[in-house]
Protein backbone atom coordinates (compact mmCIF):
# COMPACT_ATOMS: atom_id res chain seq x y z
CA MET A 1 0.07 -0.04 -0.10
CA SER A 2 1.21 3.52 -0.52
CA GLU A 3 2.49 5.55 2.17
CA SER A 4 -0.28 8.14 1.72
CA ASN A 5 -2.90 5.64 2.95
CA SER A 6 -4.05 6.14 6.50
CA LEU A 7 -2.93 3.97 9.21
CA TYR A 8 -6.51 2.67 9.38
CA GLU A 9 -6.17 1.59 5.58
CA ARG A 10 -2.68 -0.02 6.14
CA LEU A 11 -3.90 -2.04 9.05
CA GLY A 12 -6.61 -3.54 6.84
CA ARG A 13 -9.66 -1.17 7.93
CA ARG A 14 -12.13 -2.62 10.34
CA ASP A 15 -11.78 -6.30 9.21
CA GLY A 16 -8.01 -6.18 9.43
CA ILE A 17 -8.13 -4.40 12.77
CA ALA A 18 -10.44 -7.18 14.01
CA ARG A 19 -8.09 -9.91 12.94
CA ILE A 20 -5.13 -8.07 14.78
CA SER A 21 -7.15 -7.23 17.89
CA ARG A 22 -8.14 -11.01 18.19
CA ALA A 23 -4.43 -12.05 17.73
CA ILE A 24 -3.26 -9.40 20.54
CA ILE A 25 -5.84 -10.90 22.81
CA GLN A 26 -4.75 -14.50 22.15
CA ASN A 27 -1.20 -13.41 22.57
CA HIS A 28 -2.17 -11.75 25.90
CA LEU A 29 -3.81 -14.85 27.06
CA ALA A 30 -0.73 -16.94 26.17
CA ASN A 31 1.64 -14.57 27.81
CA PRO A 32 2.64 -15.49 31.37
CA LEU A 33 3.29 -11.88 32.34
CA VAL A 34 -0.19 -10.89 31.67
CA SER A 35 -2.38 -13.88 31.06
CA GLN A 36 -3.83 -13.85 34.45
CA ARG A 37 -5.53 -10.36 34.03
CA TYR A 38 -6.98 -11.39 30.89
CA SER A 39 -8.03 -15.09 31.61
CA THR A 40 -10.37 -13.76 34.59
CA ILE A 41 -12.37 -11.45 32.31
CA ASP A 42 -16.16 -12.32 32.30
CA ASP A 43 -17.04 -10.71 29.16
CA MET A 44 -14.19 -11.32 26.63
CA ALA A 45 -16.66 -10.34 23.74
CA ARG A 46 -17.09 -6.77 25.08
CA VAL A 47 -13.23 -6.43 25.61
CA GLU A 48 -12.69 -7.48 22.07
CA ARG A 49 -15.35 -5.02 20.94
CA ARG A 50 -13.70 -2.24 22.87
CA VAL A 51 -10.18 -3.14 21.54
CA ILE A 52 -11.41 -3.03 18.07
CA GLU A 53 -13.26 0.33 18.45
CA PHE A 54 -10.17 1.73 20.06
CA PHE A 55 -7.80 0.60 17.43
CA CYS A 56 -10.17 1.64 14.62
CA ALA A 57 -10.81 5.09 15.93
CA GLY A 58 -7.09 5.61 17.06
CA SER A 59 -5.87 4.66 13.56
CA GLY A 60 -8.03 7.23 11.92
CA GLY A 61 -10.98 4.93 11.04
CA PRO A 62 -14.89 6.26 11.00
CA GLU A 63 -15.66 4.01 14.23
CA HIS A 64 -16.22 5.81 17.37
CA TYR A 65 -14.64 4.41 20.62
CA THR A 66 -17.31 4.03 23.29
CA GLY A 67 -15.18 2.81 26.20
CA GLN A 68 -13.73 4.79 28.96
CA ASP A 69 -10.36 6.56 28.45
CA LYS A 70 -6.99 4.71 29.09
CA ARG A 71 -6.56 6.30 32.52
CA HIS A 72 -9.88 5.44 33.88
CA THR A 73 -9.87 1.77 32.32
CA HIS A 74 -6.61 1.13 34.13
CA GLN A 75 -7.17 3.06 37.29
CA GLY A 76 -6.30 0.95 40.43
CA MET A 77 -4.97 -1.89 38.29
CA ASN A 78 -1.36 -1.10 39.25
CA VAL A 79 -0.04 -2.19 35.83
CA SER A 80 3.73 -2.47 35.93
CA GLU A 81 6.36 -1.33 33.47
CA GLN A 82 6.94 -5.09 32.62
CA GLU A 83 3.39 -5.78 31.99
CA PHE A 84 3.01 -2.71 29.72
CA VAL A 85 6.13 -3.72 27.70
CA ALA A 86 4.63 -7.33 27.58
CA VAL A 87 1.43 -6.06 26.06
CA ILE A 88 3.10 -3.91 23.60
CA ASP A 89 5.36 -6.85 22.52
CA ASP A 90 2.17 -9.02 22.12
CA ALA A 91 0.62 -6.26 19.80
CA MET A 92 3.89 -6.20 17.81
CA ALA A 93 3.85 -9.77 17.34
CA ALA A 94 0.11 -9.80 16.40
CA LEU A 95 0.81 -7.13 13.88
CA GLU A 96 3.68 -9.19 12.44
CA SER A 97 1.83 -12.43 12.27
CA CYS A 98 -1.18 -10.63 10.56
CA GLY A 99 1.43 -9.41 7.71
CA ILE A 100 1.49 -5.72 8.77
CA ASP A 101 4.84 -4.18 7.34
CA ALA A 102 7.65 -2.83 9.46
CA PRO A 103 6.95 0.94 8.96
CA THR A 104 3.38 0.47 10.05
CA ARG A 105 4.33 -1.46 13.05
CA THR A 106 6.68 1.05 14.04
CA GLU A 107 3.96 3.79 13.71
CA VAL A 108 1.70 1.69 16.05
CA LEU A 109 4.56 1.12 18.42
CA GLY A 110 5.06 4.97 18.81
CA ILE A 111 1.23 5.38 19.47
CA LEU A 112 1.14 2.51 22.10
CA TRP A 113 4.14 3.74 23.83
CA SER A 114 2.68 7.23 24.05
CA MET A 115 0.00 5.68 26.29
CA LYS A 116 2.45 4.62 28.99
CA ASN A 117 1.61 7.40 31.52
CA GLU A 118 -2.12 6.66 31.14
CA VAL A 119 -1.75 2.84 32.00
CA VAL A 120 1.41 2.29 34.16
CA ARG A 121 0.75 2.63 37.93
CA VAL A 122 -2.23 4.69 37.77
């Protein structure tokens, strides 16, 4: 795809982002550093919907995110720096396994990393 395409388009629009989001969640469930946080979620379908919405809206798509902001979502969870990095690693692995090119993965990495202060130890 051309570099002029939006991040949303380069990620495969809603269908591609849904596939990536599912892969990220599966990676989290398999990751010993964060799996306990995800394996106890009662409504994984709701979490998946919110992840897809967040990723779509955050990458320039037309979808609207209906969940809470990052700080409120993670308030009181005491997410460590190691968990934050593990989640980002899982996301990067999912992007790669879904065939997303390196420049686009790097762009997503920058976006995710910029959220650290809204997630870690809030």
